[in-house]
């Protein structure tokens, strides 16, 4: 994969990267007030991203960033503790076939080295589609 613009997002305990191209809108919100969908004809589904990836990664109540993905019939807002730098971190290295088969969900595009740490790059559109379908 070539270098692309990646957004760094943080859940309660983890850090991930998401391709900027997967994101339709980014907004701050309080967890008790859901943002309105951009298109009035679509329903809005809000889910915390952390517990989707790791059940132990749940944050407390408060302000969140909503990573909004507009699908055909629904708009999905994936909530994270914070969204930070939008930068080209380097080339996304795909995960190997052996590791890909061991994942509970096919939501990882690869990894990027940020400093000395490997950070997973998430397929935000695939996650949003699974949330919209009620698969998770």
N, C-alpha and C. Protein backbone atom coordinates (compact mmCIF):
# COMPACT_ATOMS: atom_id res chain seq x y z
N UNK A 1 0.85 -1.19 0.00
CA UNK A 1 0.00 0.00 0.00
C UNK A 1 0.88 1.24 0.00
N UNK A 2 0.43 2.27 -0.66
CA UNK A 2 1.20 3.50 -0.71
C UNK A 2 0.94 4.34 0.54
N UNK A 3 1.76 5.37 0.71
CA UNK A 3 1.57 6.27 1.84
C UNK A 3 0.29 7.06 1.62
N UNK A 4 -0.52 7.19 2.65
CA UNK A 4 -1.77 7.94 2.55
C UNK A 4 -1.98 8.74 3.82
N UNK A 5 -2.90 9.69 3.76
CA UNK A 5 -3.21 10.53 4.90
C UNK A 5 -3.94 9.71 5.94
N UNK A 6 -3.40 9.64 7.16
CA UNK A 6 -3.98 8.83 8.24
C UNK A 6 -4.31 9.71 9.43
N UNK A 7 -5.44 9.43 10.05
CA UNK A 7 -5.87 10.13 11.26
C UNK A 7 -5.55 9.24 12.46
N UNK A 8 -4.89 9.81 13.45
CA UNK A 8 -4.59 9.07 14.68
C UNK A 8 -5.75 9.23 15.64
N UNK A 9 -6.31 8.09 16.08
CA UNK A 9 -7.44 8.12 17.01
C UNK A 9 -7.07 7.32 18.26
N UNK A 10 -7.64 7.74 19.39
CA UNK A 10 -7.38 7.08 20.66
C UNK A 10 -8.69 6.64 21.28
N UNK A 11 -8.73 5.39 21.70
CA UNK A 11 -9.85 4.89 22.49
C UNK A 11 -9.42 5.06 23.95
N UNK A 12 -10.11 4.44 24.88
CA UNK A 12 -9.76 4.60 26.29
C UNK A 12 -8.33 4.14 26.58
N UNK A 13 -7.90 3.04 25.96
CA UNK A 13 -6.58 2.49 26.28
C UNK A 13 -5.67 2.27 25.08
N UNK A 14 -6.14 2.50 23.86
CA UNK A 14 -5.34 2.15 22.68
C UNK A 14 -5.26 3.29 21.68
N UNK A 15 -4.33 3.13 20.75
CA UNK A 15 -4.13 4.09 19.67
C UNK A 15 -4.23 3.34 18.34
N UNK A 16 -4.93 3.94 17.39
CA UNK A 16 -5.10 3.36 16.06
C UNK A 16 -4.92 4.45 15.02
N UNK A 17 -4.80 4.04 13.77
CA UNK A 17 -4.80 4.95 12.64
C UNK A 17 -5.95 4.56 11.73
N UNK A 18 -6.58 5.57 11.11
CA UNK A 18 -7.63 5.30 10.13
C UNK A 18 -7.35 6.16 8.90
N UNK A 19 -7.57 5.60 7.70
CA UNK A 19 -7.37 6.39 6.48
C UNK A 19 -8.37 7.55 6.44
N UNK A 20 -7.89 8.71 6.13
CA UNK A 20 -8.73 9.90 6.05
C UNK A 20 -9.82 9.70 5.00
N UNK A 21 -9.53 8.96 3.95
CA UNK A 21 -10.50 8.72 2.88
C UNK A 21 -11.71 7.91 3.35
N UNK A 22 -11.61 7.19 4.45
CA UNK A 22 -12.73 6.39 4.97
C UNK A 22 -13.71 7.23 5.77
N UNK A 23 -13.32 8.44 6.11
CA UNK A 23 -14.07 9.30 7.03
C UNK A 23 -14.86 10.34 6.25
N UNK A 24 -16.16 10.44 6.51
CA UNK A 24 -16.98 11.45 5.86
C UNK A 24 -17.07 12.73 6.68
N UNK A 25 -17.01 12.59 8.01
CA UNK A 25 -17.14 13.77 8.87
C UNK A 25 -16.52 13.45 10.23
N UNK A 26 -15.95 14.45 10.86
CA UNK A 26 -15.38 14.33 12.21
C UNK A 26 -15.98 15.44 13.05
N UNK A 27 -16.58 15.09 14.19
CA UNK A 27 -17.20 16.09 15.05
C UNK A 27 -17.00 15.73 16.50
N UNK A 28 -16.97 16.75 17.36
CA UNK A 28 -16.95 16.50 18.80
C UNK A 28 -18.38 16.39 19.28
N UNK A 29 -18.58 15.56 20.29
CA UNK A 29 -19.92 15.40 20.85
C UNK A 29 -19.83 14.93 22.29
N UNK A 30 -20.90 15.13 23.01
CA UNK A 30 -21.05 14.57 24.35
C UNK A 30 -21.82 13.27 24.15
N UNK A 31 -21.43 12.20 24.84
CA UNK A 31 -22.01 10.88 24.59
C UNK A 31 -23.53 10.85 24.74
N UNK A 32 -24.12 11.76 25.50
CA UNK A 32 -25.58 11.76 25.66
C UNK A 32 -26.30 12.48 24.52
N UNK A 33 -25.56 13.19 23.65
CA UNK A 33 -26.16 13.93 22.54
C UNK A 33 -25.57 13.42 21.22
N UNK A 34 -26.33 12.65 20.48
CA UNK A 34 -25.86 12.11 19.21
C UNK A 34 -25.92 13.19 18.13
N UNK A 35 -24.92 13.24 17.23
CA UNK A 35 -24.96 14.20 16.14
C UNK A 35 -26.04 13.82 15.13
N UNK A 36 -26.55 14.81 14.42
CA UNK A 36 -27.56 14.53 13.39
C UNK A 36 -26.86 14.03 12.13
N UNK A 37 -27.48 13.08 11.42
CA UNK A 37 -26.86 12.62 10.17
C UNK A 37 -26.85 13.75 9.15
N UNK A 38 -25.85 13.73 8.27
CA UNK A 38 -25.73 14.77 7.25
C UNK A 38 -26.91 14.72 6.29
N UNK A 39 -27.37 13.52 5.96
CA UNK A 39 -28.53 13.36 5.08
C UNK A 39 -29.72 12.98 5.93
N UNK A 40 -30.79 13.71 5.82
CA UNK A 40 -31.97 13.45 6.65
C UNK A 40 -32.64 12.11 6.35
N UNK A 41 -32.38 11.54 5.19
CA UNK A 41 -33.03 10.28 4.82
C UNK A 41 -32.36 9.06 5.42
N UNK A 42 -31.26 9.23 6.14
CA UNK A 42 -30.56 8.10 6.70
C UNK A 42 -30.70 8.06 8.22
N UNK A 43 -30.72 6.86 8.77
CA UNK A 43 -30.76 6.68 10.22
C UNK A 43 -29.33 6.79 10.76
N UNK A 44 -29.20 7.19 12.00
CA UNK A 44 -27.88 7.33 12.63
C UNK A 44 -27.68 6.22 13.65
N UNK A 45 -26.54 5.54 13.57
CA UNK A 45 -26.17 4.51 14.52
C UNK A 45 -24.87 4.96 15.18
N UNK A 46 -24.85 5.05 16.51
CA UNK A 46 -23.64 5.44 17.26
C UNK A 46 -23.12 4.25 18.05
N UNK A 47 -21.81 4.01 17.96
CA UNK A 47 -21.17 2.94 18.75
C UNK A 47 -19.79 3.39 19.16
N UNK A 48 -19.37 2.98 20.35
CA UNK A 48 -18.00 3.22 20.82
C UNK A 48 -17.06 2.30 20.05
N UNK A 49 -15.97 2.82 19.52
CA UNK A 49 -15.04 2.01 18.74
C UNK A 49 -14.22 1.08 19.64
N UNK A 50 -13.78 1.56 20.79
CA UNK A 50 -12.93 0.77 21.67
C UNK A 50 -13.49 -0.60 22.02
N UNK A 51 -14.72 -0.69 22.57
CA UNK A 51 -15.28 -2.00 22.92
C UNK A 51 -15.55 -2.90 21.72
N UNK A 52 -15.72 -2.34 20.52
CA UNK A 52 -15.87 -3.18 19.33
C UNK A 52 -14.59 -3.97 19.06
N UNK A 53 -13.45 -3.33 19.32
CA UNK A 53 -12.16 -3.94 19.05
C UNK A 53 -11.64 -4.76 20.22
N UNK A 54 -11.96 -4.33 21.44
CA UNK A 54 -11.52 -5.01 22.66
C UNK A 54 -12.55 -4.72 23.74
N UNK A 55 -13.28 -5.72 24.23
CA UNK A 55 -14.32 -5.47 25.23
C UNK A 55 -13.82 -4.76 26.50
N UNK A 56 -12.55 -4.89 26.81
CA UNK A 56 -11.99 -4.23 27.99
C UNK A 56 -11.64 -2.77 27.74
N UNK A 57 -11.79 -2.29 26.52
CA UNK A 57 -11.38 -0.93 26.14
C UNK A 57 -12.58 0.02 26.15
N UNK A 58 -13.24 0.11 27.30
CA UNK A 58 -14.39 0.99 27.44
C UNK A 58 -14.00 2.22 28.24
N UNK A 59 -14.39 3.37 27.76
CA UNK A 59 -14.10 4.62 28.46
C UNK A 59 -15.28 5.07 29.29
N UNK A 60 -15.07 6.09 30.09
CA UNK A 60 -16.14 6.64 30.90
C UNK A 60 -16.99 7.61 30.10
N UNK A 61 -18.03 8.17 30.73
CA UNK A 61 -18.87 9.14 30.03
C UNK A 61 -18.10 10.44 29.79
N UNK A 62 -18.57 11.20 28.84
CA UNK A 62 -17.93 12.49 28.57
C UNK A 62 -17.88 12.82 27.10
N UNK A 63 -17.01 13.73 26.77
CA UNK A 63 -16.87 14.23 25.40
C UNK A 63 -16.13 13.21 24.54
N UNK A 64 -16.59 13.05 23.31
CA UNK A 64 -15.99 12.12 22.36
C UNK A 64 -15.84 12.79 21.00
N UNK A 65 -15.06 12.18 20.16
CA UNK A 65 -15.02 12.54 18.74
C UNK A 65 -15.83 11.47 18.01
N UNK A 66 -16.68 11.90 17.11
CA UNK A 66 -17.48 10.98 16.31
C UNK A 66 -16.87 10.90 14.92
N UNK A 67 -16.40 9.70 14.56
CA UNK A 67 -15.88 9.43 13.22
C UNK A 67 -17.08 8.97 12.41
N UNK A 68 -17.59 9.80 11.54
CA UNK A 68 -18.84 9.53 10.84
C UNK A 68 -18.58 8.96 9.45
N UNK A 69 -19.24 7.84 9.18
CA UNK A 69 -19.16 7.17 7.88
C UNK A 69 -20.58 7.08 7.33
N UNK A 70 -20.80 7.66 6.16
CA UNK A 70 -22.12 7.63 5.55
C UNK A 70 -22.22 6.44 4.61
N UNK A 71 -23.15 5.56 4.91
CA UNK A 71 -23.42 4.39 4.07
C UNK A 71 -24.71 4.66 3.29
N UNK A 72 -25.13 3.74 2.48
CA UNK A 72 -26.30 3.97 1.63
C UNK A 72 -27.56 4.25 2.45
N UNK A 73 -27.85 3.42 3.46
CA UNK A 73 -29.10 3.56 4.21
C UNK A 73 -28.92 4.09 5.63
N UNK A 74 -27.69 4.10 6.11
CA UNK A 74 -27.44 4.54 7.48
C UNK A 74 -26.17 5.37 7.54
N UNK A 75 -26.12 6.20 8.56
CA UNK A 75 -24.89 6.91 8.89
C UNK A 75 -24.41 6.32 10.21
N UNK A 76 -23.14 5.92 10.26
CA UNK A 76 -22.57 5.32 11.46
C UNK A 76 -21.57 6.29 12.06
N UNK A 77 -21.73 6.56 13.36
CA UNK A 77 -20.79 7.39 14.10
C UNK A 77 -20.02 6.48 15.06
N UNK A 78 -18.75 6.30 14.81
CA UNK A 78 -17.89 5.51 15.68
C UNK A 78 -17.20 6.49 16.64
N UNK A 79 -17.42 6.28 17.93
CA UNK A 79 -16.97 7.23 18.94
C UNK A 79 -15.61 6.85 19.50
N UNK A 80 -14.72 7.83 19.61
CA UNK A 80 -13.38 7.64 20.17
C UNK A 80 -13.13 8.72 21.20
N UNK A 81 -12.18 8.47 22.10
CA UNK A 81 -11.82 9.45 23.13
C UNK A 81 -11.30 10.74 22.50
N UNK A 82 -10.40 10.58 21.52
CA UNK A 82 -9.88 11.76 20.84
C UNK A 82 -9.31 11.38 19.48
N UNK A 83 -9.34 12.35 18.59
CA UNK A 83 -8.75 12.22 17.27
C UNK A 83 -7.69 13.29 17.17
N UNK A 84 -6.50 12.90 16.71
CA UNK A 84 -5.40 13.86 16.73
C UNK A 84 -4.86 14.14 15.34
N UNK A 85 -3.59 13.94 15.19
CA UNK A 85 -2.89 14.38 14.00
C UNK A 85 -3.33 13.67 12.73
N UNK A 86 -3.45 14.44 11.67
CA UNK A 86 -3.74 13.93 10.34
C UNK A 86 -2.44 14.10 9.56
N UNK A 87 -1.78 12.99 9.28
CA UNK A 87 -0.47 13.06 8.64
C UNK A 87 -0.20 11.79 7.85
N UNK A 88 0.81 11.86 7.02
CA UNK A 88 1.28 10.68 6.32
C UNK A 88 2.33 10.06 7.22
N UNK A 89 2.01 8.94 7.84
CA UNK A 89 2.93 8.29 8.78
C UNK A 89 3.91 7.35 8.09
N UNK A 90 3.69 7.04 6.86
CA UNK A 90 4.53 6.09 6.15
C UNK A 90 3.68 5.11 5.40
N UNK A 91 4.33 4.12 4.88
CA UNK A 91 3.63 3.11 4.09
C UNK A 91 2.95 2.11 5.01
N UNK A 92 1.68 1.83 4.71
CA UNK A 92 0.94 0.84 5.49
C UNK A 92 1.43 -0.54 5.06
N UNK A 93 1.94 -1.28 6.03
CA UNK A 93 2.41 -2.64 5.76
C UNK A 93 1.26 -3.61 6.00
N UNK A 94 0.86 -4.36 4.97
CA UNK A 94 -0.25 -5.30 5.17
C UNK A 94 0.13 -6.39 6.18
N UNK A 95 -0.87 -6.88 6.90
CA UNK A 95 -0.61 -7.98 7.83
C UNK A 95 -0.56 -9.28 7.03
N UNK A 96 0.18 -10.22 7.50
CA UNK A 96 0.32 -11.49 6.80
C UNK A 96 -0.95 -12.32 6.83
N UNK A 97 -1.05 -13.25 5.91
CA UNK A 97 -2.23 -14.12 5.80
C UNK A 97 -2.45 -14.94 7.07
N UNK A 98 -1.37 -15.41 7.67
CA UNK A 98 -1.48 -16.20 8.89
C UNK A 98 -2.10 -15.37 10.02
N UNK A 99 -1.65 -14.14 10.18
CA UNK A 99 -2.19 -13.27 11.22
C UNK A 99 -3.62 -12.84 10.88
N UNK A 100 -3.89 -12.56 9.63
CA UNK A 100 -5.23 -12.13 9.22
C UNK A 100 -6.29 -13.18 9.55
N UNK A 101 -5.94 -14.45 9.40
CA UNK A 101 -6.90 -15.52 9.71
C UNK A 101 -7.19 -15.63 11.21
N UNK A 102 -6.30 -15.12 12.04
CA UNK A 102 -6.47 -15.22 13.50
C UNK A 102 -7.31 -14.07 14.08
N UNK A 103 -7.63 -13.06 13.28
CA UNK A 103 -8.40 -11.92 13.77
C UNK A 103 -9.87 -12.30 13.91
N UNK A 104 -10.52 -11.77 14.94
CA UNK A 104 -11.94 -12.03 15.15
C UNK A 104 -12.78 -11.39 14.04
N UNK A 105 -12.38 -10.23 13.56
CA UNK A 105 -13.07 -9.51 12.49
C UNK A 105 -12.03 -9.03 11.48
N UNK A 106 -12.36 -8.96 10.21
CA UNK A 106 -11.40 -8.51 9.19
C UNK A 106 -11.34 -6.98 9.08
N UNK A 107 -11.04 -6.33 10.18
CA UNK A 107 -11.11 -4.88 10.23
C UNK A 107 -9.75 -4.19 10.19
N UNK A 108 -8.68 -4.91 10.01
CA UNK A 108 -7.34 -4.32 10.02
C UNK A 108 -6.77 -4.33 8.61
N UNK A 109 -6.37 -3.15 8.14
CA UNK A 109 -5.76 -3.03 6.81
C UNK A 109 -4.28 -3.35 6.85
N UNK A 110 -3.64 -3.07 7.98
CA UNK A 110 -2.21 -3.28 8.11
C UNK A 110 -1.69 -2.55 9.34
N UNK A 111 -0.41 -2.24 9.31
CA UNK A 111 0.22 -1.54 10.43
C UNK A 111 1.24 -0.54 9.89
N UNK A 112 1.50 0.49 10.69
CA UNK A 112 2.49 1.51 10.37
C UNK A 112 3.37 1.68 11.59
N UNK A 113 4.66 1.82 11.38
CA UNK A 113 5.55 2.13 12.50
C UNK A 113 5.49 3.63 12.77
N UNK A 114 5.09 3.97 13.99
CA UNK A 114 5.09 5.36 14.44
C UNK A 114 6.11 5.42 15.56
N UNK A 115 7.25 6.02 15.27
CA UNK A 115 8.38 5.94 16.20
C UNK A 115 8.86 4.51 16.19
N UNK A 116 8.88 3.88 17.34
CA UNK A 116 9.27 2.47 17.45
C UNK A 116 8.07 1.54 17.62
N UNK A 117 6.87 2.11 17.65
CA UNK A 117 5.66 1.32 17.93
C UNK A 117 4.88 1.01 16.66
N UNK A 118 4.50 -0.27 16.47
CA UNK A 118 3.58 -0.57 15.37
C UNK A 118 2.16 -0.17 15.78
N UNK A 119 1.46 0.53 14.89
CA UNK A 119 0.10 0.98 15.15
C UNK A 119 -0.80 0.40 14.05
N UNK A 120 -1.90 -0.22 14.47
CA UNK A 120 -2.82 -0.83 13.51
C UNK A 120 -3.58 0.23 12.72
N UNK A 121 -3.77 -0.03 11.44
CA UNK A 121 -4.57 0.82 10.57
C UNK A 121 -5.90 0.10 10.36
N UNK A 122 -6.98 0.76 10.76
CA UNK A 122 -8.31 0.14 10.73
C UNK A 122 -9.06 0.44 9.44
N UNK A 123 -9.85 -0.52 9.01
CA UNK A 123 -10.73 -0.35 7.86
C UNK A 123 -12.05 0.21 8.40
N UNK A 124 -12.14 1.53 8.51
CA UNK A 124 -13.28 2.18 9.13
C UNK A 124 -14.58 1.93 8.37
N UNK A 125 -14.52 1.87 7.06
CA UNK A 125 -15.72 1.62 6.26
C UNK A 125 -16.27 0.21 6.51
N UNK A 126 -15.39 -0.77 6.66
CA UNK A 126 -15.83 -2.14 6.93
C UNK A 126 -16.43 -2.25 8.32
N UNK A 127 -15.81 -1.58 9.29
CA UNK A 127 -16.35 -1.58 10.65
C UNK A 127 -17.74 -0.96 10.65
N UNK A 128 -17.88 0.20 9.98
CA UNK A 128 -19.17 0.90 9.94
C UNK A 128 -20.24 0.04 9.26
N UNK A 129 -19.86 -0.67 8.20
CA UNK A 129 -20.83 -1.53 7.50
C UNK A 129 -21.30 -2.66 8.42
N UNK A 130 -20.38 -3.26 9.17
CA UNK A 130 -20.77 -4.33 10.09
C UNK A 130 -21.65 -3.81 11.22
N UNK A 131 -21.35 -2.61 11.72
CA UNK A 131 -22.18 -2.00 12.76
C UNK A 131 -23.57 -1.70 12.21
N UNK A 132 -23.65 -1.15 11.01
CA UNK A 132 -24.94 -0.82 10.40
C UNK A 132 -25.80 -2.06 10.17
N UNK A 133 -25.16 -3.17 9.83
CA UNK A 133 -25.88 -4.42 9.60
C UNK A 133 -26.26 -5.13 10.90
N UNK A 134 -25.72 -4.66 12.03
CA UNK A 134 -25.98 -5.30 13.31
C UNK A 134 -25.17 -6.56 13.51
N UNK A 135 -24.09 -6.71 12.75
CA UNK A 135 -23.25 -7.90 12.85
C UNK A 135 -22.42 -7.90 14.13
N UNK A 136 -22.25 -6.74 14.75
CA UNK A 136 -21.49 -6.63 16.00
C UNK A 136 -22.26 -5.78 16.99
